[in-house]
Structures are given as C-alpha cells and as structure tokens.
C-alpha cells in the first residue's frame, strides 16, 4: 500500500512522464512476487530553467523479509503438490527472469519442499531446448520454470499437462502461445492452465 501510494503521488506530480509510468508499472507488477531488493525507484525529468535531465525519487519500497514464504508462493507450492499427487508434471511461467529473477527463488522454494524443479533459461539455445527438457525429465524433473517466451512456439510439452502462470507479462500473444504448449496433438491427459 505504501509503494502504491508513493507511485500514485509521483504519477500525479509528474503527469505523463514516461519514466515514472514505466518504472511504476514494473515495480507494481514485480513487488508482490519479490518484495525486496528493488532499491530506490527513480524517475527523470527535464529542469525547465537549465534544460538538464534530472533524477528524482519516485518511491523507496520497503524490503520485506526474503526468508518468509509469501501467500502467492504458498499457493503455488500447494497447487504443484496437488498436481504431482495426481501424477501430473507442472510447467510454471514467470516473466521476471533477469536482474530481479523470480524463477530461481521459485526453484529454491520448490526444492526445499522436496519437489524436483529446474529452470530453463535463455542461455539454452532454441534448437537445444527440446533436448534440454528430455535430459531433465530423464533425471526426474517434476516442475519446469521459465519465461513463457522461451517455449511460446515450436515446443510440445506433452509431459506437462498442467501449466501455471505465476506471472503473465504484457503480451496476450505470448500468453496464448505458451498456454497451448501441452494442449497438442498426442496429449492423452486433460490439460489444466491456471493463473496465480
């Protein structure tokens, strides 16, 4: 609520400022999933007198406890355990995968809960991703976590009849493509797509 209030104030004070809008959107989408380590959020404006570009503070988000397991994370673990109990592997999508990586946090939480989770990153070239999945499945992978863009086209994920979007991103095209990776010719199980 504090972060939202600070951002709302900055948006009012700097109406139409693209740096505030972009920073605000990213912060408000990321913070519920990773409420720590954001640092001070800055915007930029042009000083009317000097013509210089100046930096100003939009908000200073509180760093919540990274050791705490938050409600959305608990729900994800609960949903995955239900699916695994039914013999169904799970594909999880998250869009914050770079500077403020959510995928590694999810992997760590799942591993602590006895769930064999792997993270597919952009470091794996597209032509090697199918083989990457096959190797990990042979080694006992139960859950794969990745950005939806990495599998949006060309991969059939028949082994993962359950797809959970932990985060969706902005593109409905990417979302629709990624949500259909398990719902392919040859799939013999009902496919479940869920959004947290």
C-alpha atoms as a PDB file:
ATOM      1  CA  UNK A   1       0.000   0.000   0.000  1.00  0.00           C
ATOM      2  CA  UNK A   2       2.870   2.365   0.826  1.00  0.00           C
ATOM      3  CA  UNK A   3       4.533   1.661  -2.522  1.00  0.00           C
ATOM      4  CA  UNK A   4       1.257   2.155  -4.384  1.00  0.00           C
ATOM      5  CA  UNK A   5       0.653   5.452  -2.581  1.00  0.00           C
ATOM      6  CA  UNK A   6       4.163   6.759  -3.362  1.00  0.00           C
ATOM      7  CA  UNK A   7       3.794   5.817  -7.010  1.00  0.00           C
ATOM      8  CA  UNK A   8       0.335   7.406  -7.230  1.00  0.00           C
ATOM      9  CA  UNK A   9       1.765  10.635  -5.788  1.00  0.00           C
ATOM     10  CA  UNK A  10       4.654  10.574  -8.300  1.00  0.00           C
ATOM     11  CA  UNK A  11       2.255   9.964 -11.193  1.00  0.00           C
ATOM     12  CA  UNK A  12       0.151  12.950 -10.130  1.00  0.00           C
ATOM     13  CA  UNK A  13       3.161  15.208  -9.634  1.00  0.00           C
ATOM     14  CA  UNK A  14       4.826  14.160 -12.927  1.00  0.00           C
ATOM     15  CA  UNK A  15       1.714  13.610 -15.042  1.00  0.00           C
ATOM     16  CA  UNK A  16       2.529  11.954 -18.381  1.00  0.00           C
ATOM     17  CA  UNK A  17       6.205  11.334 -17.525  1.00  0.00           C
ATOM     18  CA  UNK A  18       7.115   8.081 -19.290  1.00  0.00           C
ATOM     19  CA  UNK A  19       9.958   7.275 -16.878  1.00  0.00           C
ATOM     20  CA  UNK A  20       7.525   7.323 -13.944  1.00  0.00           C
ATOM     21  CA  UNK A  21       4.937   5.256 -15.804  1.00  0.00           C
ATOM     22  CA  UNK A  22       7.448   2.595 -16.900  1.00  0.00           C
ATOM     23  CA  UNK A  23       9.129   2.343 -13.513  1.00  0.00           C
ATOM     24  CA  UNK A  24       5.778   2.279 -11.729  1.00  0.00           C
ATOM     25  CA  UNK A  25       4.349  -0.494 -13.912  1.00  0.00           C
ATOM     26  CA  UNK A  26       7.395  -2.709 -13.442  1.00  0.00           C
ATOM     27  CA  UNK A  27       7.602  -2.092  -9.697  1.00  0.00           C
ATOM     28  CA  UNK A  28       3.917  -2.738  -9.071  1.00  0.00           C
ATOM     29  CA  UNK A  29       3.982  -5.950 -11.116  1.00  0.00           C
ATOM     30  CA  UNK A  30       7.189  -7.259  -9.536  1.00  0.00           C
ATOM     31  CA  UNK A  31       6.827  -6.212  -5.894  1.00  0.00           C
ATOM     32  CA  UNK A  32       4.053  -8.677  -4.922  1.00  0.00           C
ATOM     33  CA  UNK A  33       6.244 -11.537  -6.203  1.00  0.00           C
ATOM     34  CA  UNK A  34       9.592 -10.250  -4.915  1.00  0.00           C
ATOM     35  CA  UNK A  35       9.045  -7.634  -2.197  1.00  0.00           C
ATOM     36  CA  UNK A  36      12.695  -6.985  -1.512  1.00  0.00           C
ATOM     37  CA  UNK A  37      15.804  -5.783  -3.311  1.00  0.00           C
ATOM     38  CA  UNK A  38      14.098  -3.243  -5.570  1.00  0.00           C
ATOM     39  CA  UNK A  39      16.110  -0.337  -4.219  1.00  0.00           C
ATOM     40  CA  UNK A  40      15.106   3.275  -4.661  1.00  0.00           C
ATOM     41  CA  UNK A  41      12.893   3.843  -7.705  1.00  0.00           C
ATOM     42  CA  UNK A  42      13.921   6.868  -9.757  1.00  0.00           C
ATOM     43  CA  UNK A  43      12.292   8.890 -12.490  1.00  0.00           C
ATOM     44  CA  UNK A  44      13.757  11.554 -14.740  1.00  0.00           C
ATOM     45  CA  UNK A  45      12.531  14.971 -15.772  1.00  0.00           C
ATOM     46  CA  UNK A  46      13.960  17.996 -17.571  1.00  0.00           C
ATOM     47  CA  UNK A  47      14.697  21.063 -15.483  1.00  0.00           C
ATOM     48  CA  UNK A  48      12.861  23.923 -17.217  1.00  0.00           C
ATOM     49  CA  UNK A  49      15.458  26.523 -16.192  1.00  0.00           C
ATOM     50  CA  UNK A  50      18.657  24.642 -17.085  1.00  0.00           C
ATOM     51  CA  UNK A  51      17.369  22.190 -19.683  1.00  0.00           C
ATOM     52  CA  UNK A  52      19.283  19.455 -17.841  1.00  0.00           C
ATOM     53  CA  UNK A  53      17.876  15.989 -17.251  1.00  0.00           C
ATOM     54  CA  UNK A  54      17.401  15.464 -13.514  1.00  0.00           C
ATOM     55  CA  UNK A  55      16.749  12.372 -11.474  1.00  0.00           C
ATOM     56  CA  UNK A  56      14.091  12.310  -8.738  1.00  0.00           C
ATOM     57  CA  UNK A  57      12.825   9.693  -6.310  1.00  0.00           C
ATOM     58  CA  UNK A  58       9.525   8.020  -7.163  1.00  0.00           C
ATOM     59  CA  UNK A  59       9.440   5.656  -4.184  1.00  0.00           C
ATOM     60  CA  UNK A  60      11.575   3.792  -1.681  1.00  0.00           C
ATOM     61  CA  UNK A  61       9.963   0.339  -1.429  1.00  0.00           C
ATOM     62  CA  UNK A  62      10.391  -1.418   1.903  1.00  0.00           C
ATOM     63  CA  UNK A  63      12.490  -4.560   1.795  1.00  0.00           C
ATOM     64  CA  UNK A  64      10.296  -7.281   3.225  1.00  0.00           C
ATOM     65  CA  UNK A  65      11.817 -10.485   4.607  1.00  0.00           C
ATOM     66  CA  UNK A  66      13.231 -12.663   1.781  1.00  0.00           C
ATOM     67  CA  UNK A  67      13.192 -15.633   4.172  1.00  0.00           C
ATOM     68  CA  UNK A  68       9.403 -15.506   4.507  1.00  0.00           C
ATOM     69  CA  UNK A  69       7.268 -17.628   2.169  1.00  0.00           C
ATOM     70  CA  UNK A  70       4.548 -15.293   0.876  1.00  0.00           C
ATOM     71  CA  UNK A  71       0.909 -16.170   0.169  1.00  0.00           C
ATOM     72  CA  UNK A  72       1.275 -16.472  -3.606  1.00  0.00           C
ATOM     73  CA  UNK A  73       4.335 -18.700  -3.176  1.00  0.00           C
ATOM     74  CA  UNK A  74       2.477 -20.897  -0.678  1.00  0.00           C
ATOM     75  CA  UNK A  75      -0.422 -21.221  -3.114  1.00  0.00           C
ATOM     76  CA  UNK A  76       1.922 -22.182  -5.955  1.00  0.00           C
ATOM     77  CA  UNK A  77       3.537 -24.894  -3.808  1.00  0.00           C
ATOM     78  CA  UNK A  78       0.095 -26.152  -2.776  1.00  0.00           C
ATOM     79  CA  UNK A  79      -1.143 -26.305  -6.400  1.00  0.00           C
ATOM     80  CA  UNK A  80       2.014 -28.075  -7.576  1.00  0.00           C
ATOM     81  CA  UNK A  81       1.795 -30.658  -4.781  1.00  0.00           C
ATOM     82  CA  UNK A  82      -1.840 -31.387  -5.753  1.00  0.00           C
ATOM     83  CA  UNK A  83      -0.884 -31.892  -9.386  1.00  0.00           C
ATOM     84  CA  UNK A  84       2.137 -34.053  -8.571  1.00  0.00           C
ATOM     85  CA  UNK A  85      -0.039 -36.212  -6.288  1.00  0.00           C
ATOM     86  CA  UNK A  86      -2.183 -36.892  -9.374  1.00  0.00           C
ATOM     87  CA  UNK A  87       0.923 -37.881 -11.362  1.00  0.00           C
ATOM     88  CA  UNK A  88       0.943 -34.668 -13.393  1.00  0.00           C
ATOM     89  CA  UNK A  89       4.126 -32.697 -14.085  1.00  0.00           C
ATOM     90  CA  UNK A  90       3.865 -28.911 -13.996  1.00  0.00           C
ATOM     91  CA  UNK A  91       5.173 -26.127 -16.240  1.00  0.00           C
ATOM     92  CA  UNK A  92       5.432 -22.794 -14.395  1.00  0.00           C
ATOM     93  CA  UNK A  93       5.830 -19.459 -16.178  1.00  0.00           C
ATOM     94  CA  UNK A  94       7.327 -16.306 -14.670  1.00  0.00           C
ATOM     95  CA  UNK A  95       8.380 -13.188 -16.572  1.00  0.00           C
ATOM     96  CA  UNK A  96      10.900 -11.632 -14.181  1.00  0.00           C
ATOM     97  CA  UNK A  97      13.973 -13.687 -15.064  1.00  0.00           C
ATOM     98  CA  UNK A  98      16.877 -11.268 -15.352  1.00  0.00           C
ATOM     99  CA  UNK A  99      18.009  -8.610 -12.887  1.00  0.00           C
ATOM    100  CA  UNK A 100      15.336  -9.452 -10.302  1.00  0.00           C
ATOM    101  CA  UNK A 101      14.957 -13.142 -11.018  1.00  0.00           C
ATOM    102  CA  UNK A 102      11.794 -14.732  -9.645  1.00  0.00           C
ATOM    103  CA  UNK A 103      12.419 -18.123 -11.295  1.00  0.00           C
ATOM    104  CA  UNK A 104      15.427 -19.009  -9.113  1.00  0.00           C
ATOM    105  CA  UNK A 105      13.502 -18.071  -5.977  1.00  0.00           C
ATOM    106  CA  UNK A 106      10.654 -20.363  -7.025  1.00  0.00           C
ATOM    107  CA  UNK A 107      13.093 -23.177  -7.773  1.00  0.00           C
ATOM    108  CA  UNK A 108      14.689 -22.781  -4.347  1.00  0.00           C
ATOM    109  CA  UNK A 109      11.290 -22.876  -2.598  1.00  0.00           C
ATOM    110  CA  UNK A 110      10.179 -25.947  -4.545  1.00  0.00           C
ATOM    111  CA  UNK A 111      13.434 -27.799  -3.870  1.00  0.00           C
ATOM    112  CA  UNK A 112      13.043 -27.070  -0.134  1.00  0.00           C
ATOM    113  CA  UNK A 113       9.612 -28.699  -0.377  1.00  0.00           C
ATOM    114  CA  UNK A 114      11.021 -31.866  -1.936  1.00  0.00           C
ATOM    115  CA  UNK A 115       9.906 -31.003  -5.467  1.00  0.00           C
ATOM    116  CA  UNK A 116      12.419 -31.558  -8.262  1.00  0.00           C
ATOM    117  CA  UNK A 117      12.303 -28.260 -10.133  1.00  0.00           C
ATOM    118  CA  UNK A 118      14.530 -26.964 -12.924  1.00  0.00           C
ATOM    119  CA  UNK A 119      14.811 -23.531 -14.524  1.00  0.00           C
ATOM    120  CA  UNK A 120      15.039 -23.221 -18.316  1.00  0.00           C
ATOM    121  CA  UNK A 121      16.899 -20.003 -19.089  1.00  0.00           C
ATOM    122  CA  UNK A 122      17.594 -18.081 -22.280  1.00  0.00           C
ATOM    123  CA  UNK A 123      21.164 -19.438 -22.108  1.00  0.00           C
ATOM    124  CA  UNK A 124      19.817 -22.648 -23.676  1.00  0.00           C
ATOM    125  CA  UNK A 125      19.619 -22.014 -27.444  1.00  0.00           C
ATOM    126  CA  UNK A 126      16.172 -22.623 -29.018  1.00  0.00           C
ATOM    127  CA  UNK A 127      17.379 -25.590 -31.050  1.00  0.00           C
ATOM    128  CA  UNK A 128      18.584 -27.313 -27.855  1.00  0.00           C
ATOM    129  CA  UNK A 129      15.535 -26.748 -25.656  1.00  0.00           C
ATOM    130  CA  UNK A 130      13.702 -29.944 -26.592  1.00  0.00           C
ATOM    131  CA  UNK A 131      16.814 -31.986 -25.742  1.00  0.00           C
ATOM    132  CA  UNK A 132      17.202 -29.948 -22.517  1.00  0.00           C
ATOM    133  CA  UNK A 133      13.675 -30.979 -21.468  1.00  0.00           C
ATOM    134  CA  UNK A 134      14.309 -34.625 -22.354  1.00  0.00           C
ATOM    135  CA  UNK A 135      17.533 -34.755 -20.277  1.00  0.00           C
ATOM    136  CA  UNK A 136      15.906 -33.094 -17.266  1.00  0.00           C
ATOM    137  CA  UNK A 137      12.868 -35.385 -17.461  1.00  0.00           C
ATOM    138  CA  UNK A 138      15.141 -38.445 -17.519  1.00  0.00           C
ATOM    139  CA  UNK A 139      16.814 -37.066 -14.381  1.00  0.00           C
ATOM    140  CA  UNK A 140      13.483 -36.785 -12.556  1.00  0.00           C
ATOM    141  CA  UNK A 141      12.327 -33.210 -13.197  1.00  0.00           C
ATOM    142  CA  UNK A 142       8.770 -32.720 -11.907  1.00  0.00           C
ATOM    143  CA  UNK A 143       8.435 -28.974 -12.484  1.00  0.00           C
ATOM    144  CA  UNK A 144       9.974 -26.700 -15.104  1.00  0.00           C
ATOM    145  CA  UNK A 145      10.072 -22.950 -14.511  1.00  0.00           C
ATOM    146  CA  UNK A 146      10.788 -20.496 -17.325  1.00  0.00           C
ATOM    147  CA  UNK A 147       9.769 -17.319 -19.116  1.00  0.00           C
ATOM    148  CA  UNK A 148       6.822 -18.073 -21.437  1.00  0.00           C
ATOM    149  CA  UNK A 149       8.687 -16.590 -24.428  1.00  0.00           C
ATOM    150  CA  UNK A 150      11.227 -19.423 -24.247  1.00  0.00           C
ATOM    151  CA  UNK A 151       8.622 -22.027 -25.183  1.00  0.00           C
ATOM    152  CA  UNK A 152       5.908 -19.989 -26.912  1.00  0.00           C
ATOM    153  CA  UNK A 153       6.445 -21.660 -30.277  1.00  0.00           C
ATOM    154  CA  UNK A 154       7.910 -24.890 -31.555  1.00  0.00           C
ATOM    155  CA  UNK A 155       7.878 -26.961 -28.364  1.00  0.00           C
ATOM    156  CA  UNK A 156       5.349 -29.609 -27.451  1.00  0.00           C
ATOM    157  CA  UNK A 157       5.286 -30.071 -23.689  1.00  0.00           C
ATOM    158  CA  UNK A 158       3.146 -33.201 -23.600  1.00  0.00           C
ATOM    159  CA  UNK A 159       4.841 -34.335 -20.374  1.00  0.00           C
ATOM    160  CA  UNK A 160       3.441 -31.253 -18.584  1.00  0.00           C
ATOM    161  CA  UNK A 161      -0.364 -31.425 -18.637  1.00  0.00           C
ATOM    162  CA  UNK A 162      -0.538 -28.662 -16.020  1.00  0.00           C
ATOM    163  CA  UNK A 163       0.600 -25.127 -16.825  1.00  0.00           C
ATOM    164  CA  UNK A 164       0.643 -22.477 -14.114  1.00  0.00           C
ATOM    165  CA  UNK A 165       1.296 -18.823 -14.874  1.00  0.00           C
ATOM    166  CA  UNK A 166       2.962 -17.364 -11.794  1.00  0.00           C
ATOM    167  CA  UNK A 167       3.323 -14.137 -13.809  1.00  0.00           C
ATOM    168  CA  UNK A 168       1.881 -13.350 -17.234  1.00  0.00           C
ATOM    169  CA  UNK A 169       3.684 -10.345 -18.693  1.00  0.00           C
ATOM    170  CA  UNK A 170       2.124  -7.851 -21.099  1.00  0.00           C
ATOM    171  CA  UNK A 171       1.714  -9.833 -24.325  1.00  0.00           C
ATOM    172  CA  UNK A 172      -1.515 -11.758 -24.756  1.00  0.00           C
ATOM    173  CA  UNK A 173       0.037 -13.328 -27.874  1.00  0.00           C
ATOM    174  CA  UNK A 174       2.902 -14.841 -25.843  1.00  0.00           C
ATOM    175  CA  UNK A 175       0.456 -15.888 -23.135  1.00  0.00           C
ATOM    176  CA  UNK A 176      -1.820 -17.671 -25.602  1.00  0.00           C
ATOM    177  CA  UNK A 177       1.064 -19.403 -27.350  1.00  0.00           C
ATOM    178  CA  UNK A 178       2.702 -20.539 -24.095  1.00  0.00           C
ATOM    179  CA  UNK A 179      -0.617 -21.715 -22.648  1.00  0.00           C
ATOM    180  CA  UNK A 180      -1.033 -24.167 -25.562  1.00  0.00           C
ATOM    181  CA  UNK A 181       2.306 -25.980 -25.249  1.00  0.00           C
ATOM    182  CA  UNK A 182       0.708 -29.009 -23.562  1.00  0.00           C
ATOM    183  CA  UNK A 183      -2.529 -28.952 -25.497  1.00  0.00           C
ATOM    184  CA  UNK A 184      -1.068 -30.532 -28.632  1.00  0.00           C
ATOM    185  CA  UNK A 185      -1.810 -33.499 -30.866  1.00  0.00           C
ATOM    186  CA  UNK A 186      -0.765 -36.576 -28.921  1.00  0.00           C
ATOM    187  CA  UNK A 187      -1.758 -35.273 -25.490  1.00  0.00           C
ATOM    188  CA  UNK A 188      -3.711 -38.013 -23.726  1.00  0.00           C
ATOM    189  CA  UNK A 189      -4.373 -36.216 -20.425  1.00  0.00           C
ATOM    190  CA  UNK A 190      -6.713 -33.316 -19.757  1.00  0.00           C
ATOM    191  CA  UNK A 191      -4.758 -30.067 -19.807  1.00  0.00           C
ATOM    192  CA  UNK A 192      -5.110 -27.575 -16.984  1.00  0.00           C
ATOM    193  CA  UNK A 193      -3.953 -23.966 -17.338  1.00  0.00           C
ATOM    194  CA  UNK A 194      -4.034 -21.849 -14.180  1.00  0.00           C
ATOM    195  CA  UNK A 195      -3.147 -18.270 -13.275  1.00  0.00           C
ATOM    196  CA  UNK A 196      -1.908 -17.174  -9.878  1.00  0.00           C
END
